[in-house]
Amino acid sequence: MDIVSLTALFGWMTVLNFALLIISTLMLTLFRTPIIRIHSRLSGLEETALKPVYLYFLGFYKVLIIVFNLVPYLALKLL
């Protein structure tokens, strides 16, 4: 694989993962009550305990996207 192909790969990975992050954020924002009920039944957590878990998940996922997708893409673009 050459640098051009790797750059394209990391670029598309970044776009797709940020799209998934935006969709997840919108789903948790727009359909909060049904999602909280479903996850509360599945995990056994209280409904009040799930809100910080969602924020942690979204924040951690964003950091992972930046570290493993965006930074390598930018580094390859600078080469």
PDB file of N, CA and C in Angstrom:
ATOM      1  N   MET A   1       0.839  -1.174   0.000  1.00  0.00           N
ATOM      2  CA  MET A   1       0.000   0.000   0.000  1.00  0.00           C
ATOM      3  C   MET A   1       0.890   1.245   0.000  1.00  0.00           C
ATOM      4  N   ASP A   2       0.596   2.177  -0.873  1.00  0.00           N
ATOM      5  CA  ASP A   2       1.388   3.397  -0.930  1.00  0.00           C
ATOM      6  C   ASP A   2       0.770   4.490  -0.063  1.00  0.00           C
ATOM      7  N   ILE A   3       1.462   5.617   0.030  1.00  0.00           N
ATOM      8  CA  ILE A   3       1.039   6.698   0.917  1.00  0.00           C
ATOM      9  C   ILE A   3      -0.293   7.294   0.467  1.00  0.00           C
ATOM     10  N   VAL A   4      -0.504   7.379  -0.822  1.00  0.00           N
ATOM     11  CA  VAL A   4      -1.759   7.940  -1.333  1.00  0.00           C
ATOM     12  C   VAL A   4      -2.952   7.073  -0.916  1.00  0.00           C
ATOM     13  N   SER A   5      -2.800   5.777  -1.021  1.00  0.00           N
ATOM     14  CA  SER A   5      -3.875   4.866  -0.628  1.00  0.00           C
ATOM     15  C   SER A   5      -4.130   4.922   0.875  1.00  0.00           C
ATOM     16  N   LEU A   6      -3.059   4.960   1.662  1.00  0.00           N
ATOM     17  CA  LEU A   6      -3.226   5.055   3.114  1.00  0.00           C
ATOM     18  C   LEU A   6      -3.885   6.370   3.515  1.00  0.00           C
ATOM     19  N   THR A   7      -3.514   7.446   2.848  1.00  0.00           N
ATOM     20  CA  THR A   7      -4.123   8.737   3.138  1.00  0.00           C
ATOM     21  C   THR A   7      -5.621   8.693   2.841  1.00  0.00           C
ATOM     22  N   ALA A   8      -5.992   8.116   1.720  1.00  0.00           N
ATOM     23  CA  ALA A   8      -7.409   7.996   1.375  1.00  0.00           C
ATOM     24  C   ALA A   8      -8.139   7.110   2.374  1.00  0.00           C
ATOM     25  N   LEU A   9      -7.509   6.016   2.777  1.00  0.00           N
ATOM     26  CA  LEU A   9      -8.110   5.110   3.752  1.00  0.00           C
ATOM     27  C   LEU A   9      -8.382   5.824   5.074  1.00  0.00           C
ATOM     28  N   PHE A  10      -7.381   6.506   5.602  1.00  0.00           N
ATOM     29  CA  PHE A  10      -7.561   7.206   6.875  1.00  0.00           C
ATOM     30  C   PHE A  10      -8.540   8.366   6.737  1.00  0.00           C
ATOM     31  N   GLY A  11      -8.575   8.998   5.590  1.00  0.00           N
ATOM     32  CA  GLY A  11      -9.533  10.076   5.370  1.00  0.00           C
ATOM     33  C   GLY A  11     -10.965   9.568   5.409  1.00  0.00           C
ATOM     34  N   TRP A  12     -11.227   8.472   4.704  1.00  0.00           N
ATOM     35  CA  TRP A  12     -12.575   7.910   4.701  1.00  0.00           C
ATOM     36  C   TRP A  12     -12.942   7.315   6.055  1.00  0.00           C
ATOM     37  N   MET A  13     -11.971   6.730   6.747  1.00  0.00           N
ATOM     38  CA  MET A  13     -12.251   6.216   8.095  1.00  0.00           C
ATOM     39  C   MET A  13     -12.667   7.361   9.016  1.00  0.00           C
ATOM     40  N   THR A  14     -11.985   8.501   8.887  1.00  0.00           N
ATOM     41  CA  THR A  14     -12.319   9.657   9.713  1.00  0.00           C
ATOM     42  C   THR A  14     -13.724  10.150   9.411  1.00  0.00           C
ATOM     43  N   VAL A  15     -14.047  10.274   8.139  1.00  0.00           N
ATOM     44  CA  VAL A  15     -15.373  10.756   7.744  1.00  0.00           C
ATOM     45  C   VAL A  15     -16.460   9.808   8.250  1.00  0.00           C
ATOM     46  N   LEU A  16     -16.288   8.519   8.041  1.00  0.00           N
ATOM     47  CA  LEU A  16     -17.305   7.549   8.455  1.00  0.00           C
ATOM     48  C   LEU A  16     -17.468   7.498   9.975  1.00  0.00           C
ATOM     49  N   ASN A  17     -16.364   7.546  10.697  1.00  0.00           N
ATOM     50  CA  ASN A  17     -16.470   7.493  12.156  1.00  0.00           C
ATOM     51  C   ASN A  17     -17.085   8.764  12.730  1.00  0.00           C
ATOM     52  N   PHE A  18     -16.752   9.932  12.164  1.00  0.00           N
ATOM     53  CA  PHE A  18     -17.399  11.155  12.635  1.00  0.00           C
ATOM     54  C   PHE A  18     -18.883  11.154  12.281  1.00  0.00           C
ATOM     55  N   ALA A  19     -19.261  10.594  11.134  1.00  0.00           N
ATOM     56  CA  ALA A  19     -20.679  10.475  10.780  1.00  0.00           C
ATOM     57  C   ALA A  19     -21.399   9.580  11.784  1.00  0.00           C
ATOM     58  N   LEU A  20     -20.777   8.478  12.158  1.00  0.00           N
ATOM     59  CA  LEU A  20     -21.373   7.583  13.161  1.00  0.00           C
ATOM     60  C   LEU A  20     -21.496   8.284  14.514  1.00  0.00           C
ATOM     61  N   LEU A  21     -20.502   9.085  14.870  1.00  0.00           N
ATOM     62  CA  LEU A  21     -20.559   9.841  16.118  1.00  0.00           C
ATOM     63  C   LEU A  21     -21.709  10.844  16.087  1.00  0.00           C
ATOM     64  N   ILE A  22     -21.885  11.526  14.974  1.00  0.00           N
ATOM     65  CA  ILE A  22     -22.972  12.496  14.859  1.00  0.00           C
ATOM     66  C   ILE A  22     -24.327  11.798  14.912  1.00  0.00           C
ATOM     67  N   ILE A  23     -24.456  10.679  14.227  1.00  0.00           N
ATOM     68  CA  ILE A  23     -25.720   9.922  14.255  1.00  0.00           C
ATOM     69  C   ILE A  23     -26.016   9.430  15.668  1.00  0.00           C
ATOM     70  N   SER A  24     -24.994   8.928  16.356  1.00  0.00           N
ATOM     71  CA  SER A  24     -25.188   8.457  17.735  1.00  0.00           C
ATOM     72  C   SER A  24     -25.615   9.597  18.647  1.00  0.00           C
ATOM     73  N   THR A  25     -24.994  10.744  18.488  1.00  0.00           N
ATOM     74  CA  THR A  25     -25.342  11.901  19.308  1.00  0.00           C
ATOM     75  C   THR A  25     -26.773  12.345  19.029  1.00  0.00           C
ATOM     76  N   LEU A  26     -27.143  12.389  17.758  1.00  0.00           N
ATOM     77  CA  LEU A  26     -28.513  12.769  17.417  1.00  0.00           C
ATOM     78  C   LEU A  26     -29.534  11.771  17.952  1.00  0.00           C
ATOM     79  N   MET A  27     -29.231  10.487  17.839  1.00  0.00           N
ATOM     80  CA  MET A  27     -30.152   9.470  18.348  1.00  0.00           C
ATOM     81  C   MET A  27     -30.327   9.593  19.860  1.00  0.00           C
ATOM     82  N   LEU A  28     -29.220   9.810  20.575  1.00  0.00           N
ATOM     83  CA  LEU A  28     -29.315   9.937  22.029  1.00  0.00           C
ATOM     84  C   LEU A  28     -29.999  11.236  22.437  1.00  0.00           C
ATOM     85  N   THR A  29     -29.917  12.250  21.583  1.00  0.00           N
ATOM     86  CA  THR A  29     -30.565  13.513  21.896  1.00  0.00           C
ATOM     87  C   THR A  29     -32.056  13.480  21.568  1.00  0.00           C
ATOM     88  N   LEU A  30     -32.390  12.958  20.401  1.00  0.00           N
ATOM     89  CA  LEU A  30     -33.778  12.985  19.952  1.00  0.00           C
ATOM     90  C   LEU A  30     -34.639  11.896  20.583  1.00  0.00           C
ATOM     91  N   PHE A  31     -34.082  10.724  20.807  1.00  0.00           N
ATOM     92  CA  PHE A  31     -34.845   9.588  21.329  1.00  0.00           C
ATOM     93  C   PHE A  31     -34.329   9.151  22.694  1.00  0.00           C
ATOM     94  N   ARG A  32     -34.084  10.112  23.561  1.00  0.00           N
ATOM     95  CA  ARG A  32     -33.456   9.844  24.853  1.00  0.00           C
ATOM     96  C   ARG A  32     -34.276   8.889  25.724  1.00  0.00           C
ATOM     97  N   THR A  33     -35.569   9.139  25.865  1.00  0.00           N
ATOM     98  CA  THR A  33     -36.396   8.344  26.782  1.00  0.00           C
ATOM     99  C   THR A  33     -36.476   6.876  26.380  1.00  0.00           C
ATOM    100  N   PRO A  34     -36.809   6.542  25.110  1.00  0.00           N
ATOM    101  CA  PRO A  34     -36.863   5.121  24.768  1.00  0.00           C
ATOM    102  C   PRO A  34     -35.506   4.432  24.852  1.00  0.00           C
ATOM    103  N   ILE A  35     -34.455   5.146  24.483  1.00  0.00           N
ATOM    104  CA  ILE A  35     -33.118   4.547  24.541  1.00  0.00           C
ATOM    105  C   ILE A  35     -32.704   4.300  25.983  1.00  0.00           C
ATOM    106  N   ILE A  36     -33.006   5.244  26.856  1.00  0.00           N
ATOM    107  CA  ILE A  36     -32.667   5.061  28.276  1.00  0.00           C
ATOM    108  C   ILE A  36     -33.438   3.884  28.856  1.00  0.00           C
ATOM    109  N   ARG A  37     -34.706   3.735  28.496  1.00  0.00           N
ATOM    110  CA  ARG A  37     -35.489   2.599  28.997  1.00  0.00           C
ATOM    111  C   ARG A  37     -34.902   1.269  28.535  1.00  0.00           C
ATOM    112  N   ILE A  38     -34.559   1.197  27.258  1.00  0.00           N
ATOM    113  CA  ILE A  38     -33.999  -0.048  26.715  1.00  0.00           C
ATOM    114  C   ILE A  38     -32.671  -0.378  27.391  1.00  0.00           C
ATOM    115  N   HIS A  39     -31.769   0.610  27.472  1.00  0.00           N
ATOM    116  CA  HIS A  39     -30.460   0.358  28.066  1.00  0.00           C
ATOM    117  C   HIS A  39     -30.548   0.099  29.562  1.00  0.00           C
ATOM    118  N   SER A  40     -31.519   0.705  30.218  1.00  0.00           N
ATOM    119  CA  SER A  40     -31.707   0.450  31.652  1.00  0.00           C
ATOM    120  C   SER A  40     -32.129  -0.994  31.891  1.00  0.00           C
ATOM    121  N   ARG A  41     -33.005  -1.503  31.048  1.00  0.00           N
ATOM    122  CA  ARG A  41     -33.426  -2.904  31.184  1.00  0.00           C
ATOM    123  C   ARG A  41     -32.287  -3.859  30.849  1.00  0.00           C
ATOM    124  N   LEU A  42     -31.523  -3.540  29.811  1.00  0.00           N
ATOM    125  CA  LEU A  42     -30.440  -4.431  29.394  1.00  0.00           C
ATOM    126  C   LEU A  42     -29.283  -4.460  30.390  1.00  0.00           C
ATOM    127  N   SER A  43     -28.922  -3.297  30.917  1.00  0.00           N
ATOM    128  CA  SER A  43     -27.735  -3.228  31.766  1.00  0.00           C
ATOM    129  C   SER A  43     -28.028  -3.324  33.254  1.00  0.00           C
ATOM    130  N   GLY A  44     -29.255  -3.051  33.648  1.00  0.00           N
ATOM    131  CA  GLY A  44     -29.582  -3.077  35.070  1.00  0.00           C
ATOM    132  C   GLY A  44     -29.192  -1.796  35.794  1.00  0.00           C
ATOM    133  N   LEU A  45     -28.765  -0.782  35.054  1.00  0.00           N
ATOM    134  CA  LEU A  45     -28.409   0.498  35.660  1.00  0.00           C
ATOM    135  C   LEU A  45     -29.650   1.365  35.820  1.00  0.00           C
ATOM    136  N   GLU A  46     -29.603   2.257  36.777  1.00  0.00           N
ATOM    137  CA  GLU A  46     -30.683   3.225  36.958  1.00  0.00           C
ATOM    138  C   GLU A  46     -30.690   4.187  35.775  1.00  0.00           C
ATOM    139  N   GLU A  47     -31.841   4.778  35.514  1.00  0.00           N
ATOM    140  CA  GLU A  47     -31.950   5.716  34.400  1.00  0.00           C
ATOM    141  C   GLU A  47     -31.089   6.953  34.616  1.00  0.00           C
ATOM    142  N   THR A  48     -30.930   7.378  35.870  1.00  0.00           N
ATOM    143  CA  THR A  48     -30.105   8.554  36.148  1.00  0.00           C
ATOM    144  C   THR A  48     -28.616   8.250  35.973  1.00  0.00           C
ATOM    145  N   ALA A  49     -28.229   7.003  36.120  1.00  0.00           N
ATOM    146  CA  ALA A  49     -26.819   6.628  35.982  1.00  0.00           C
ATOM    147  C   ALA A  49     -26.402   6.481  34.525  1.00  0.00           C
ATOM    148  N   LEU A  50     -27.361   6.385  33.625  1.00  0.00           N
ATOM    149  CA  LEU A  50     -27.035   6.178  32.221  1.00  0.00           C
ATOM    150  C   LEU A  50     -26.589   7.450  31.511  1.00  0.00           C
ATOM    151  N   LYS A  51     -27.070   8.602  31.926  1.00  0.00           N
ATOM    152  CA  LYS A  51     -26.712   9.844  31.246  1.00  0.00           C
ATOM    153  C   LYS A  51     -25.208  10.111  31.281  1.00  0.00           C
ATOM    154  N   PRO A  52     -24.538   9.982  32.434  1.00  0.00           N
ATOM    155  CA  PRO A  52     -23.080  10.152  32.418  1.00  0.00           C
ATOM    156  C   PRO A  52     -22.367   9.079  31.596  1.00  0.00           C
ATOM    157  N   VAL A  53     -22.934   7.885  31.549  1.00  0.00           N
ATOM    158  CA  VAL A  53     -22.337   6.810  30.742  1.00  0.00           C
ATOM    159  C   VAL A  53     -22.390   7.178  29.268  1.00  0.00           C
ATOM    160  N   TYR A  54     -23.492   7.763  28.826  1.00  0.00           N
ATOM    161  CA  TYR A  54     -23.603   8.196  27.436  1.00  0.00           C
ATOM    162  C   TYR A  54     -22.583   9.279  27.113  1.00  0.00           C
ATOM    163  N   LEU A  55     -22.448  10.251  28.014  1.00  0.00           N
ATOM    164  CA  LEU A  55     -21.464  11.317  27.782  1.00  0.00           C
ATOM    165  C   LEU A  55     -20.048  10.764  27.750  1.00  0.00           C
ATOM    166  N   TYR A  56     -19.755   9.828  28.641  1.00  0.00           N
ATOM    167  CA  TYR A  56     -18.435   9.195  28.655  1.00  0.00           C
ATOM    168  C   TYR A  56     -18.191   8.453  27.351  1.00  0.00           C
ATOM    169  N   PHE A  57     -19.179   7.702  26.888  1.00  0.00           N
ATOM    170  CA  PHE A  57     -19.053   6.948  25.645  1.00  0.00           C
ATOM    171  C   PHE A  57     -18.788   7.869  24.464  1.00  0.00           C
ATOM    172  N   LEU A  58     -19.587   8.927  24.329  1.00  0.00           N
ATOM    173  CA  LEU A  58     -19.425   9.833  23.198  1.00  0.00           C
ATOM    174  C   LEU A  58     -18.083  10.556  23.248  1.00  0.00           C
ATOM    175  N   GLY A  59     -17.670  10.982  24.427  1.00  0.00           N
ATOM    176  CA  GLY A  59     -16.376  11.653  24.566  1.00  0.00           C
ATOM    177  C   GLY A  59     -15.214  10.728  24.272  1.00  0.00           C
ATOM    178  N   PHE A  60     -15.290   9.517  24.790  1.00  0.00           N
ATOM    179  CA  PHE A  60     -14.219   8.539  24.570  1.00  0.00           C
ATOM    180  C   PHE A  60     -14.147   8.142  23.101  1.00  0.00           C
ATOM    181  N   TYR A  61     -15.287   7.978  22.460  1.00  0.00           N
ATOM    182  CA  TYR A  61     -15.317   7.633  21.038  1.00  0.00           C
ATOM    183  C   TYR A  61     -14.722   8.761  20.198  1.00  0.00           C
ATOM    184  N   LYS A  62     -15.018  10.011  20.571  1.00  0.00           N
ATOM    185  CA  LYS A  62     -14.460  11.150  19.848  1.00  0.00           C
ATOM    186  C   LYS A  62     -12.938  11.189  19.978  1.00  0.00           C
ATOM    187  N   VAL A  63     -12.427  10.939  21.162  1.00  0.00           N
ATOM    188  CA  VAL A  63     -10.981  10.918  21.365  1.00  0.00           C
ATOM    189  C   VAL A  63     -10.349   9.794  20.551  1.00  0.00           C
ATOM    190  N   LEU A  64     -10.979   8.628  20.526  1.00  0.00           N
ATOM    191  CA  LEU A  64     -10.457   7.512  19.730  1.00  0.00           C
ATOM    192  C   LEU A  64     -10.429   7.844  18.241  1.00  0.00           C
ATOM    193  N   ILE A  65     -11.459   8.522  17.752  1.00  0.00           N
ATOM    194  CA  ILE A  65     -11.483   8.917  16.344  1.00  0.00           C
ATOM    195  C   ILE A  65     -10.341   9.875  16.044  1.00  0.00           C
ATOM    196  N   ILE A  66     -10.132  10.831  16.925  1.00  0.00           N
ATOM    197  CA  ILE A  66      -9.073  11.806  16.700  1.00  0.00           C
ATOM    198  C   ILE A  66      -7.708  11.133  16.720  1.00  0.00           C
ATOM    199  N   VAL A  67      -7.474  10.278  17.705  1.00  0.00           N
ATOM    200  CA  VAL A  67      -6.160   9.662  17.864  1.00  0.00           C
ATOM    201  C   VAL A  67      -5.860   8.645  16.767  1.00  0.00           C
ATOM    202  N   PHE A  68      -6.819   7.793  16.441  1.00  0.00           N
ATOM    203  CA  PHE A  68      -6.537   6.688  15.524  1.00  0.00           C
ATOM    204  C   PHE A  68      -6.952   6.935  14.076  1.00  0.00           C
ATOM    205  N   ASN A  69      -7.698   8.009  13.805  1.00  0.00           N
ATOM    206  CA  ASN A  69      -8.109   8.293  12.431  1.00  0.00           C
ATOM    207  C   ASN A  69      -7.607   9.646  11.941  1.00  0.00           C
ATOM    208  N   LEU A  70      -7.917  10.687  12.687  1.00  0.00           N
ATOM    209  CA  LEU A  70      -7.605  12.031  12.216  1.00  0.00           C
ATOM    210  C   LEU A  70      -6.113  12.345  12.258  1.00  0.00           C
ATOM    211  N   VAL A  71      -5.452  12.016  13.350  1.00  0.00           N
ATOM    212  CA  VAL A  71      -4.020  12.311  13.465  1.00  0.00           C
ATOM    213  C   VAL A  71      -3.198  11.566  12.416  1.00  0.00           C
ATOM    214  N   PRO A  72      -3.411  10.253  12.189  1.00  0.00           N
ATOM    215  CA  PRO A  72      -2.659   9.604  11.106  1.00  0.00           C
ATOM    216  C   PRO A  72      -2.977  10.190   9.737  1.00  0.00           C
ATOM    217  N   TYR A  73      -4.227  10.586   9.516  1.00  0.00           N
ATOM    218  CA  TYR A  73      -4.587  11.211   8.241  1.00  0.00           C
ATOM    219  C   TYR A  73      -3.824  12.512   8.046  1.00  0.00           C
ATOM    220  N   LEU A  74      -3.808  13.358   9.073  1.00  0.00           N
ATOM    221  CA  LEU A  74      -3.081  14.617   8.966  1.00  0.00           C
ATOM    222  C   LEU A  74      -1.581  14.410   8.810  1.00  0.00           C
ATOM    223  N   ALA A  75      -1.043  13.419   9.510  1.00  0.00           N
ATOM    224  CA  ALA A  75       0.380  13.122   9.368  1.00  0.00           C
ATOM    225  C   ALA A  75       0.718  12.660   7.952  1.00  0.00           C
ATOM    226  N   LEU A  76      -0.128  11.848   7.375  1.00  0.00           N
ATOM    227  CA  LEU A  76       0.105  11.399   6.000  1.00  0.00           C
ATOM    228  C   LEU A  76      -0.084  12.531   5.002  1.00  0.00           C
ATOM    229  N   LYS A  77      -1.001  13.445   5.277  1.00  0.00           N
ATOM    230  CA  LYS A  77      -1.197  14.591   4.393  1.00  0.00           C
ATOM    231  C   LYS A  77       0.028  15.504   4.408  1.00  0.00           C
ATOM    232  N   LEU A  78       0.709  15.575   5.553  1.00  0.00           N
ATOM    233  CA  LEU A  78       1.886  16.445   5.660  1.00  0.00           C
ATOM    234  C   LEU A  78       3.115  15.853   4.967  1.00  0.00           C
ATOM    235  N   LEU A  79       3.108  14.552   4.717  1.00  0.00           N
ATOM    236  CA  LEU A  79       4.253  13.923   4.037  1.00  0.00           C
ATOM    237  C   LEU A  79       4.343  14.321   2.594  1.00  0.00           C
TER     238      LEU A  79
END
